[in-house]
C-alpha atoms as a PDB file:
ATOM      1  CA  MET A   1      78.603  13.255  12.386  1.00  0.00           C
ATOM      2  CA  VAL A   2      79.211  11.345   9.164  1.00  0.00           C
ATOM      3  CA  LEU A   3      80.834  14.521   7.830  1.00  0.00           C
ATOM      4  CA  ARG A   4      83.440  14.096  10.601  1.00  0.00           C
ATOM      5  CA  GLY A   5      84.118  10.409   9.928  1.00  0.00           C
ATOM      6  CA  ALA A   6      81.499   8.553  11.968  1.00  0.00           C
ATOM      7  CA  ASP A   7      80.125   5.255  10.646  1.00  0.00           C
ATOM      8  CA  ALA A   8      76.658   5.505   9.095  1.00  0.00           C
ATOM      9  CA  LEU A   9      74.126   2.844   8.247  1.00  0.00           C
ATOM     10  CA  ALA A  10      72.769   3.683   4.799  1.00  0.00           C
ATOM     11  CA  ILE A  11      70.025   1.843   2.961  1.00  0.00           C
ATOM     12  CA  PRO A  12      69.368   2.589  -0.721  1.00  0.00           C
ATOM     13  CA  THR A  13      65.726   3.330  -1.519  1.00  0.00           C
ATOM     14  CA  LYS A  14      64.112   1.359  -4.311  1.00  0.00           C
ATOM     15  CA  MET A  15      63.225   4.662  -6.021  1.00  0.00           C
ATOM     16  CA  GLY A  16      65.979   6.413  -7.950  1.00  0.00           C
ATOM     17  CA  GLN A  17      66.723   8.606 -10.957  1.00  0.00           C
ATOM     18  CA  SER A  18      67.786   7.729 -14.483  1.00  0.00           C
ATOM     19  CA  LEU A  19      69.819   9.725 -17.009  1.00  0.00           C
ATOM     20  CA  GLU A  20      69.810   9.183 -20.774  1.00  0.00           C
ATOM     21  CA  PHE A  21      72.107  10.932 -23.250  1.00  0.00           C
ATOM     22  CA  GLU A  22      71.518  11.011 -26.986  1.00  0.00           C
ATOM     23  CA  SER A  23      74.424  12.397 -29.000  1.00  0.00           C
ATOM     24  CA  ASN A  24      74.039  14.610 -32.072  1.00  0.00           C
ATOM     25  CA  ASP A  25      76.313  16.889 -34.108  1.00  0.00           C
ATOM     26  CA  SER A  26      75.012  20.130 -32.597  1.00  0.00           C
ATOM     27  CA  LYS A  27      77.201  22.417 -30.497  1.00  0.00           C
ATOM     28  CA  THR A  28      74.655  22.552 -27.700  1.00  0.00           C
ATOM     29  CA  LEU A  29      73.513  20.349 -24.821  1.00  0.00           C
ATOM     30  CA  LYS A  30      69.746  20.307 -24.376  1.00  0.00           C
ATOM     31  CA  TRP A  31      68.662  19.215 -20.899  1.00  0.00           C
ATOM     32  CA  GLU A  32      65.252  18.004 -19.737  1.00  0.00           C
ATOM     33  CA  SER A  33      64.344  16.876 -16.205  1.00  0.00           C
ATOM     34  CA  TRP A  34      61.109  14.914 -15.753  1.00  0.00           C
ATOM     35  CA  ASP A  35      59.473  14.275 -12.382  1.00  0.00           C
ATOM     36  CA  SER A  36      57.770  11.185 -10.955  1.00  0.00           C
ATOM     37  CA  ASN A  37      54.457  12.234 -12.554  1.00  0.00           C
ATOM     38  CA  ASN A  38      56.170  12.381 -15.956  1.00  0.00           C
ATOM     39  CA  GLN A  39      55.936  16.171 -15.998  1.00  0.00           C
ATOM     40  CA  LEU A  40      58.758  18.294 -17.403  1.00  0.00           C
ATOM     41  CA  TRP A  41      59.878  20.435 -14.447  1.00  0.00           C
ATOM     42  CA  PHE A  42      63.218  21.777 -15.675  1.00  0.00           C
ATOM     43  CA  ASN A  43      64.804  22.451 -19.057  1.00  0.00           C
ATOM     44  CA  THR A  44      67.767  24.362 -20.345  1.00  0.00           C
ATOM     45  CA  THR A  45      70.178  24.569 -23.267  1.00  0.00           C
ATOM     46  CA  PHE A  46      73.941  24.994 -22.812  1.00  0.00           C
ATOM     47  CA  ASN A  47      76.553  26.087 -25.340  1.00  0.00           C
ATOM     48  CA  LEU A  48      79.230  23.394 -25.388  1.00  0.00           C
ATOM     49  CA  GLN A  49      82.187  25.757 -25.536  1.00  0.00           C
ATOM     50  CA  ASP A  50      81.834  27.090 -21.986  1.00  0.00           C
ATOM     51  CA  PHE A  51      78.457  25.708 -20.776  1.00  0.00           C
ATOM     52  CA  SER A  52      76.929  29.180 -20.945  1.00  0.00           C
ATOM     53  CA  ILE A  53      73.127  29.110 -20.781  1.00  0.00           C
ATOM     54  CA  SER A  54      71.142  29.830 -23.964  1.00  0.00           C
ATOM     55  CA  ASN A  55      67.702  29.466 -22.410  1.00  0.00           C
ATOM     56  CA  THR A  56      66.093  27.924 -19.349  1.00  0.00           C
ATOM     57  CA  ASN A  57      62.932  27.879 -17.255  1.00  0.00           C
ATOM     58  CA  ASP A  58      64.938  28.103 -13.995  1.00  0.00           C
ATOM     59  CA  SER A  59      68.158  30.108 -14.070  1.00  0.00           C
ATOM     60  CA  GLU A  60      69.225  29.137 -10.525  1.00  0.00           C
ATOM     61  CA  ILE A  61      69.172  25.407 -11.299  1.00  0.00           C
ATOM     62  CA  ALA A  62      70.729  25.982 -14.737  1.00  0.00           C
ATOM     63  CA  ILE A  63      73.657  27.932 -13.220  1.00  0.00           C
ATOM     64  CA  ARG A  64      74.203  25.164 -10.640  1.00  0.00           C
ATOM     65  CA  LEU A  65      74.136  22.490 -13.344  1.00  0.00           C
ATOM     66  CA  ALA A  66      76.550  24.487 -15.522  1.00  0.00           C
ATOM     67  CA  GLN A  67      78.967  24.617 -12.580  1.00  0.00           C
ATOM     68  CA  ILE A  68      78.812  20.819 -12.236  1.00  0.00           C
ATOM     69  CA  LEU A  69      79.407  20.298 -15.973  1.00  0.00           C
ATOM     70  CA  LYS A  70      82.438  22.619 -15.771  1.00  0.00           C
ATOM     71  CA  VAL A  71      83.799  20.606 -12.848  1.00  0.00           C
ATOM     72  CA  ILE A  72      83.442  17.439 -14.947  1.00  0.00           C
ATOM     73  CA  ARG A  73      85.366  19.067 -17.777  1.00  0.00           C
ATOM     74  CA  ASP A  74      88.076  20.124 -15.302  1.00  0.00           C
ATOM     75  CA  GLN A  75      88.369  16.454 -14.299  1.00  0.00           C
ATOM     76  CA  LYS A  76      88.071  15.167 -17.866  1.00  0.00           C
ATOM     77  CA  ASN A  77      89.189  17.656 -20.501  1.00  0.00           C
ATOM     78  CA  ASN A  78      87.519  15.996 -23.510  1.00  0.00           C
ATOM     79  CA  PHE A  79      84.031  15.900 -21.936  1.00  0.00           C
ATOM     80  CA  LEU A  80      81.469  17.070 -24.560  1.00  0.00           C
ATOM     81  CA  ARG A  81      84.186  18.738 -26.656  1.00  0.00           C
ATOM     82  CA  GLU A  82      83.140  17.290 -30.023  1.00  0.00           C
ATOM     83  CA  ASN A  83      79.401  16.699 -30.253  1.00  0.00           C
ATOM     84  CA  GLY A  84      76.461  17.894 -28.227  1.00  0.00           C
ATOM     85  CA  GLY A  85      73.186  16.157 -27.683  1.00  0.00           C
ATOM     86  CA  LYS A  86      70.210  15.810 -25.395  1.00  0.00           C
ATOM     87  CA  VAL A  87      70.021  14.674 -21.770  1.00  0.00           C
ATOM     88  CA  LYS A  88      66.806  13.401 -20.190  1.00  0.00           C
ATOM     89  CA  THR A  89      66.577  12.643 -16.467  1.00  0.00           C
ATOM     90  CA  HIS A  90      63.611  10.861 -14.879  1.00  0.00           C
ATOM     91  CA  LEU A  91      62.851  10.834 -11.145  1.00  0.00           C
ATOM     92  CA  GLU A  92      61.008   7.917  -9.540  1.00  0.00           C
ATOM     93  CA  PHE A  93      60.187   9.847  -6.352  1.00  0.00           C
ATOM     94  CA  ASP A  94      58.736  13.266  -5.554  1.00  0.00           C
ATOM     95  CA  ARG A  95      61.545  15.769  -6.082  1.00  0.00           C
ATOM     96  CA  HIS A  96      60.580  17.657  -2.897  1.00  0.00           C
ATOM     97  CA  TRP A  97      61.176  14.610  -0.694  1.00  0.00           C
ATOM     98  CA  GLY A  98      64.938  14.946  -0.319  1.00  0.00           C
ATOM     99  CA  LEU A  99      65.559  11.297  -1.216  1.00  0.00           C
ATOM    100  CA  GLY A 100      68.586  12.100  -3.351  1.00  0.00           C
ATOM    101  CA  THR A 101      67.691  14.245  -6.367  1.00  0.00           C
ATOM    102  CA  SER A 102      71.184  15.791  -6.244  1.00  0.00           C
ATOM    103  CA  SER A 103      73.186  12.702  -5.271  1.00  0.00           C
ATOM    104  CA  THR A 104      71.633  10.420  -7.900  1.00  0.00           C
ATOM    105  CA  LEU A 105      72.287  13.168 -10.469  1.00  0.00           C
ATOM    106  CA  ILE A 106      75.952  13.412  -9.422  1.00  0.00           C
ATOM    107  CA  SER A 107      76.280   9.615  -9.524  1.00  0.00           C
ATOM    108  CA  ASN A 108      74.695   9.397 -12.990  1.00  0.00           C
ATOM    109  CA  LEU A 109      76.798  12.271 -14.356  1.00  0.00           C
ATOM    110  CA  ALA A 110      79.949  10.596 -13.026  1.00  0.00           C
ATOM    111  CA  ARG A 111      79.049   7.249 -14.634  1.00  0.00           C
ATOM    112  CA  TRP A 112      78.195   8.937 -17.942  1.00  0.00           C
ATOM    113  CA  SER A 113      81.366  11.036 -18.084  1.00  0.00           C
ATOM    114  CA  GLY A 114      83.738   8.532 -16.439  1.00  0.00           C
ATOM    115  CA  VAL A 115      84.872  10.804 -13.595  1.00  0.00           C
ATOM    116  CA  ASP A 116      85.157  10.026  -9.887  1.00  0.00           C
ATOM    117  CA  PRO A 117      81.724  10.614  -8.263  1.00  0.00           C
ATOM    118  CA  TYR A 118      83.114  11.511  -4.810  1.00  0.00           C
ATOM    119  CA  GLU A 119      85.503  14.070  -6.267  1.00  0.00           C
ATOM    120  CA  LEU A 120      82.653  15.502  -8.343  1.00  0.00           C
ATOM    121  CA  LEU A 121      80.493  15.737  -5.206  1.00  0.00           C
ATOM    122  CA  GLN A 122      83.176  17.549  -3.202  1.00  0.00           C
ATOM    123  CA  ASN A 123      83.691  20.073  -5.995  1.00  0.00           C
ATOM    124  CA  SER A 124      79.956  20.729  -6.430  1.00  0.00           C
ATOM    125  CA  PHE A 125      77.367  20.113  -3.700  1.00  0.00           C
ATOM    126  CA  GLY A 126      79.698  18.949  -0.934  1.00  0.00           C
ATOM    127  CA  GLY A 127      78.622  16.477   1.749  1.00  0.00           C
ATOM    128  CA  SER A 128      79.856  13.213   3.210  1.00  0.00           C
ATOM    129  CA  GLY A 129      79.274  11.073   0.112  1.00  0.00           C
ATOM    130  CA  TYR A 130      77.157   8.375   1.786  1.00  0.00           C
ATOM    131  CA  ASP A 131      74.320   9.141  -0.656  1.00  0.00           C
ATOM    132  CA  ILE A 132      76.708   8.680  -3.595  1.00  0.00           C
ATOM    133  CA  ALA A 133      77.517   5.220  -2.234  1.00  0.00           C
ATOM    134  CA  CYS A 134      73.765   4.524  -2.018  1.00  0.00           C
ATOM    135  CA  ALA A 135      73.046   5.699  -5.560  1.00  0.00           C
ATOM    136  CA  THR A 136      74.514   2.534  -7.106  1.00  0.00           C
ATOM    137  CA  ALA A 137      74.185   0.157  -4.122  1.00  0.00           C
ATOM    138  CA  LYS A 138      71.789  -2.789  -4.167  1.00  0.00           C
ATOM    139  CA  SER A 139      71.843  -3.526  -0.428  1.00  0.00           C
ATOM    140  CA  PRO A 140      72.442  -1.850   2.978  1.00  0.00           C
ATOM    141  CA  LEU A 141      75.937  -0.558   3.693  1.00  0.00           C
ATOM    142  CA  VAL A 142      78.102   1.062   6.330  1.00  0.00           C
ATOM    143  CA  PHE A 143      79.737   4.245   5.110  1.00  0.00           C
ATOM    144  CA  ARG A 144      82.718   6.078   6.582  1.00  0.00           C
ATOM    145  CA  LYS A 145      84.119   9.322   5.151  1.00  0.00           C
ATOM    146  CA  GLN A 146      87.914   9.216   4.829  1.00  0.00           C
ATOM    147  CA  PRO A 147      90.424  11.764   3.475  1.00  0.00           C
ATOM    148  CA  LEU A 148      91.259  10.020   0.195  1.00  0.00           C
ATOM    149  CA  GLU A 149      88.564   7.463  -0.530  1.00  0.00           C
ATOM    150  CA  PRO A 150      85.461   6.597   1.521  1.00  0.00           C
ATOM    151  CA  HIS A 151      85.164   3.258   3.278  1.00  0.00           C
ATOM    152  CA  VAL A 152      82.057   1.402   2.066  1.00  0.00           C
ATOM    153  CA  GLU A 153      81.192  -2.059   3.349  1.00  0.00           C
ATOM    154  CA  LYS A 154      78.112  -4.160   2.673  1.00  0.00           C
ATOM    155  CA  CYS A 155      76.145  -5.106   5.753  1.00  0.00           C
ATOM    156  CA  THR A 156      73.091  -7.154   6.613  1.00  0.00           C
ATOM    157  CA  PHE A 157      70.174  -5.133   7.912  1.00  0.00           C
ATOM    158  CA  ASP A 158      66.923  -7.054   7.789  1.00  0.00           C
ATOM    159  CA  PRO A 159      65.353  -6.618  11.235  1.00  0.00           C
ATOM    160  CA  PRO A 160      62.481  -8.888  12.251  1.00  0.00           C
ATOM    161  CA  PHE A 161      60.565  -5.769  13.316  1.00  0.00           C
ATOM    162  CA  LYS A 162      60.825  -3.893   9.988  1.00  0.00           C
ATOM    163  CA  SER A 163      57.022  -3.942   9.602  1.00  0.00           C
ATOM    164  CA  SER A 164      57.002  -1.608  12.652  1.00  0.00           C
ATOM    165  CA  LEU A 165      59.150   1.020  10.902  1.00  0.00           C
ATOM    166  CA  TYR A 166      57.539   3.984   9.137  1.00  0.00           C
ATOM    167  CA  PHE A 167      58.959   6.904   7.164  1.00  0.00           C
ATOM    168  CA  VAL A 168      57.109  10.199   7.485  1.00  0.00           C
ATOM    169  CA  TYR A 169      57.659  13.229   5.235  1.00  0.00           C
ATOM    170  CA  LEU A 170      57.701  16.461   7.255  1.00  0.00           C
ATOM    171  CA  ASN A 171      56.254  18.563   4.389  1.00  0.00           C
ATOM    172  CA  GLN A 172      59.447  20.541   3.925  1.00  0.00           C
ATOM    173  CA  LYS A 173      62.699  19.862   2.111  1.00  0.00           C
ATOM    174  CA  LYS A 174      65.842  20.726   4.044  1.00  0.00           C
ATOM    175  CA  ASN A 175      68.651  22.469   2.151  1.00  0.00           C
ATOM    176  CA  SER A 176      71.579  20.083   2.635  1.00  0.00           C
ATOM    177  CA  ARG A 177      74.199  22.659   1.661  1.00  0.00           C
ATOM    178  CA  GLU A 178      73.006  25.085   4.343  1.00  0.00           C
ATOM    179  CA  ALA A 179      72.921  22.323   6.967  1.00  0.00           C
ATOM    180  CA  ILE A 180      76.487  21.282   6.030  1.00  0.00           C
ATOM    181  CA  GLU A 181      77.794  24.851   6.327  1.00  0.00           C
ATOM    182  CA  SER A 182      76.122  25.242   9.707  1.00  0.00           C
ATOM    183  CA  PHE A 183      77.564  21.963  11.014  1.00  0.00           C
ATOM    184  CA  LYS A 184      81.103  22.865   9.901  1.00  0.00           C
ATOM    185  CA  LYS A 185      81.178  25.412  12.738  1.00  0.00           C
ATOM    186  CA  GLN A 186      80.651  22.723  15.389  1.00  0.00           C
ATOM    187  CA  ASN A 187      83.586  21.613  17.506  1.00  0.00           C
ATOM    188  CA  ILE A 188      83.358  17.810  17.449  1.00  0.00           C
ATOM    189  CA  ARG A 189      85.617  15.590  19.587  1.00  0.00           C
ATOM    190  CA  GLU A 190      87.024  12.193  18.597  1.00  0.00           C
ATOM    191  CA  GLU A 191      85.137  10.407  21.389  1.00  0.00           C
ATOM    192  CA  GLN A 192      81.855  11.857  20.063  1.00  0.00           C
ATOM    193  CA  ILE A 193      82.599  10.447  16.614  1.00  0.00           C
ATOM    194  CA  ALA A 194      83.446   7.052  18.148  1.00  0.00           C
ATOM    195  CA  TYR A 195      80.237   7.128  20.226  1.00  0.00           C
ATOM    196  CA  THR A 196      78.157   7.799  17.097  1.00  0.00           C
ATOM    197  CA  SER A 197      79.847   4.905  15.272  1.00  0.00           C
ATOM    198  CA  GLY A 198      79.044   2.671  18.243  1.00  0.00           C
ATOM    199  CA  LEU A 199      75.359   3.585  18.016  1.00  0.00           C
ATOM    200  CA  THR A 200      75.384   2.781  14.292  1.00  0.00           C
ATOM    201  CA  ARG A 201      76.829  -0.682  14.927  1.00  0.00           C
ATOM    202  CA  ALA A 202      74.307  -1.220  17.740  1.00  0.00           C
ATOM    203  CA  VAL A 203      71.393  -0.331  15.444  1.00  0.00           C
ATOM    204  CA  ILE A 204      72.551  -2.928  12.905  1.00  0.00           C
ATOM    205  CA  LYS A 205      72.724  -5.630  15.599  1.00  0.00           C
ATOM    206  CA  ALA A 206      69.436  -4.772  17.354  1.00  0.00           C
ATOM    207  CA  HIS A 207      67.276  -7.911  17.693  1.00  0.00           C
ATOM    208  CA  THR A 208      64.126  -6.426  19.205  1.00  0.00           C
ATOM    209  CA  LEU A 209      62.056  -3.331  18.528  1.00  0.00           C
ATOM    210  CA  SER A 210      62.500  -2.075  22.116  1.00  0.00           C
ATOM    211  CA  GLU A 211      66.289  -2.362  21.796  1.00  0.00           C
ATOM    212  CA  PHE A 212      66.156  -0.531  18.462  1.00  0.00           C
ATOM    213  CA  GLU A 213      63.979   2.240  19.947  1.00  0.00           C
ATOM    214  CA  GLN A 214      66.340   2.708  22.870  1.00  0.00           C
ATOM    215  CA  ILE A 215      69.275   3.258  20.480  1.00  0.00           C
ATOM    216  CA  LEU A 216      67.264   5.730  18.364  1.00  0.00           C
ATOM    217  CA  ASN A 217      66.353   7.711  21.503  1.00  0.00           C
ATOM    218  CA  GLU A 218      70.002   7.768  22.593  1.00  0.00           C
ATOM    219  CA  HIS A 219      71.039   8.989  19.167  1.00  0.00           C
ATOM    220  CA  GLU A 220      68.441  11.791  19.098  1.00  0.00           C
ATOM    221  CA  ASP A 221      69.385  12.979  22.589  1.00  0.00           C
ATOM    222  CA  PHE A 222      73.078  12.938  21.713  1.00  0.00           C
ATOM    223  CA  ILE A 223      72.704  14.887  18.449  1.00  0.00           C
ATOM    224  CA  SER A 224      70.281  17.377  20.027  1.00  0.00           C
ATOM    225  CA  GLN A 225      72.949  18.283  22.594  1.00  0.00           C
ATOM    226  CA  ILE A 226      75.606  18.743  19.897  1.00  0.00           C
ATOM    227  CA  LEU A 227      73.384  20.883  17.651  1.00  0.00           C
ATOM    228  CA  SER A 228      71.562  22.642  20.516  1.00  0.00           C
ATOM    229  CA  LEU A 229      68.282  21.812  18.773  1.00  0.00           C
ATOM    230  CA  VAL A 230      65.098  20.305  20.196  1.00  0.00           C
ATOM    231  CA  PRO A 231      64.510  16.739  18.911  1.00  0.00           C
ATOM    232  CA  VAL A 232      61.666  16.495  16.403  1.00  0.00           C
ATOM    233  CA  LYS A 233      59.596  14.225  18.673  1.00  0.00           C
ATOM    234  CA  GLU A 234      59.709  16.739  21.518  1.00  0.00           C
ATOM    235  CA  LYS A 235      59.001  19.605  19.132  1.00  0.00           C
ATOM    236  CA  LEU A 236      56.202  18.180  16.960  1.00  0.00           C
ATOM    237  CA  PHE A 237      55.006  14.855  18.359  1.00  0.00           C
ATOM    238  CA  PRO A 238      55.353  14.873  22.184  1.00  0.00           C
ATOM    239  CA  ASP A 239      52.361  12.533  22.629  1.00  0.00           C
ATOM    240  CA  PHE A 240      53.659   9.890  20.181  1.00  0.00           C
ATOM    241  CA  GLN A 241      54.193   6.517  21.863  1.00  0.00           C
ATOM    242  CA  GLY A 242      57.008   5.155  19.655  1.00  0.00           C
ATOM    243  CA  ALA A 243      60.533   6.384  18.919  1.00  0.00           C
ATOM    244  CA  ILE A 244      61.281   9.051  16.289  1.00  0.00           C
ATOM    245  CA  LYS A 245      64.602   9.765  14.582  1.00  0.00           C
ATOM    246  CA  SER A 246      65.425  12.595  12.179  1.00  0.00           C
ATOM    247  CA  LEU A 247      66.949  11.445   8.897  1.00  0.00           C
ATOM    248  CA  GLY A 248      69.464  13.526   6.979  1.00  0.00           C
ATOM    249  CA  ALA A 249      69.666  17.183   7.954  1.00  0.00           C
ATOM    250  CA  TRP A 250      67.682  17.845  11.121  1.00  0.00           C
ATOM    251  CA  GLY A 251      64.357  19.617  10.725  1.00  0.00           C
ATOM    252  CA  GLY A 252      63.273  18.557   7.251  1.00  0.00           C
ATOM    253  CA  ASP A 253      62.741  15.728   4.804  1.00  0.00           C
ATOM    254  CA  PHE A 254      61.802  12.403   6.430  1.00  0.00           C
ATOM    255  CA  ILE A 255      61.734  11.002   9.947  1.00  0.00           C
ATOM    256  CA  LEU A 256      61.844   7.354  10.972  1.00  0.00           C
ATOM    257  CA  ALA A 257      59.072   6.390  13.403  1.00  0.00           C
ATOM    258  CA  THR A 258      58.425   3.086  15.170  1.00  0.00           C
ATOM    259  CA  GLY A 259      54.885   1.929  15.760  1.00  0.00           C
ATOM    260  CA  ASP A 260      52.007  -0.274  14.635  1.00  0.00           C
ATOM    261  CA  LYS A 261      49.200  -0.284  12.060  1.00  0.00           C
ATOM    262  CA  GLN A 262      47.647   2.800  13.700  1.00  0.00           C
ATOM    263  CA  THR A 263      50.860   4.840  13.298  1.00  0.00           C
ATOM    264  CA  PRO A 264      50.111   6.163   9.761  1.00  0.00           C
ATOM    265  CA  ASP A 265      46.752   7.522  10.996  1.00  0.00           C
ATOM    266  CA  TYR A 266      48.462   9.342  13.877  1.00  0.00           C
ATOM    267  CA  PHE A 267      50.725  11.295  11.511  1.00  0.00           C
ATOM    268  CA  LYS A 268      48.045  11.845   8.863  1.00  0.00           C
ATOM    269  CA  ASN A 269      45.736  13.320  11.518  1.00  0.00           C
ATOM    270  CA  LYS A 270      48.565  15.732  12.388  1.00  0.00           C
ATOM    271  CA  GLY A 271      48.737  16.900   8.760  1.00  0.00           C
ATOM    272  CA  PHE A 272      51.617  14.725   7.574  1.00  0.00           C
ATOM    273  CA  LYS A 273      49.987  12.804   4.749  1.00  0.00           C
ATOM    274  CA  ILE A 274      53.003  10.943   3.333  1.00  0.00           C
ATOM    275  CA  VAL A 275      53.742   7.917   5.528  1.00  0.00           C
ATOM    276  CA  MET A 276      55.640   5.055   3.914  1.00  0.00           C
ATOM    277  CA  THR A 277      56.281   1.549   5.173  1.00  0.00           C
ATOM    278  CA  TYR A 278      59.726  -0.060   5.149  1.00  0.00           C
ATOM    279  CA  GLU A 279      58.576  -2.199   2.219  1.00  0.00           C
ATOM    280  CA  GLU A 280      57.411   0.838   0.210  1.00  0.00           C
ATOM    281  CA  MET A 281      60.677   2.683   0.808  1.00  0.00           C
ATOM    282  CA  PHE A 282      63.192  -0.140   0.363  1.00  0.00           C
ATOM    283  CA  GLY A 283      61.353  -3.055  -1.248  1.00  0.00           C
END
């Protein structure tokens, strides 16, 4: 719904991704991507003239990255025209989690090259841009996609019941690009966008856990009707006592679950070993 202009509550995780560039007088760009265990998981070398690939350990990722670098040069003609160098990126979270490997990369590339991050996103991965807003944010925000420039406003979200909120990884990463393409085919009405925005504002103002859970349940029911998909609670966790909300593209990545100190054990016993508290996710 955020793709269609609905308001979204977005909270930046405390884990992110860094990018370092060291210039040299070569005519190549060496690229290394390191994961959260400090293991090199991707490397490639580009020729500066046209970002053609000299060598790589993953041609699919290298081709995608070359496309992004070309888009940057289209936006800024003098990008990497003179000297090459070496780029190192470091992730602070598991790259399979879907916490923003692509969006933090786009944000960092935009800051390094001096181009507009939202324009770079639209010409590469696509998406609403809320995760680009999160990449440099220090606090919760409300995001709204608009034709020219997104609306981003700081908001206060510090619920008294945050110790009852858990984030569970569903053991599979959802492909955001595929989910976006699928959603583009949906016929969404203005009143549905307004209703979604209303739920977002209600979530921010919720004073009690029961009120918060009620809004989450409403949201899941509403989106399930639009997408004609079974909500994740009904599909995987029908006996769970708390509320469950899908995060990001439905059917993958993380879910938000409400509960108590026994909640992590419930999910771990079901085979979902990664359960994070609000504190662990957001600090």
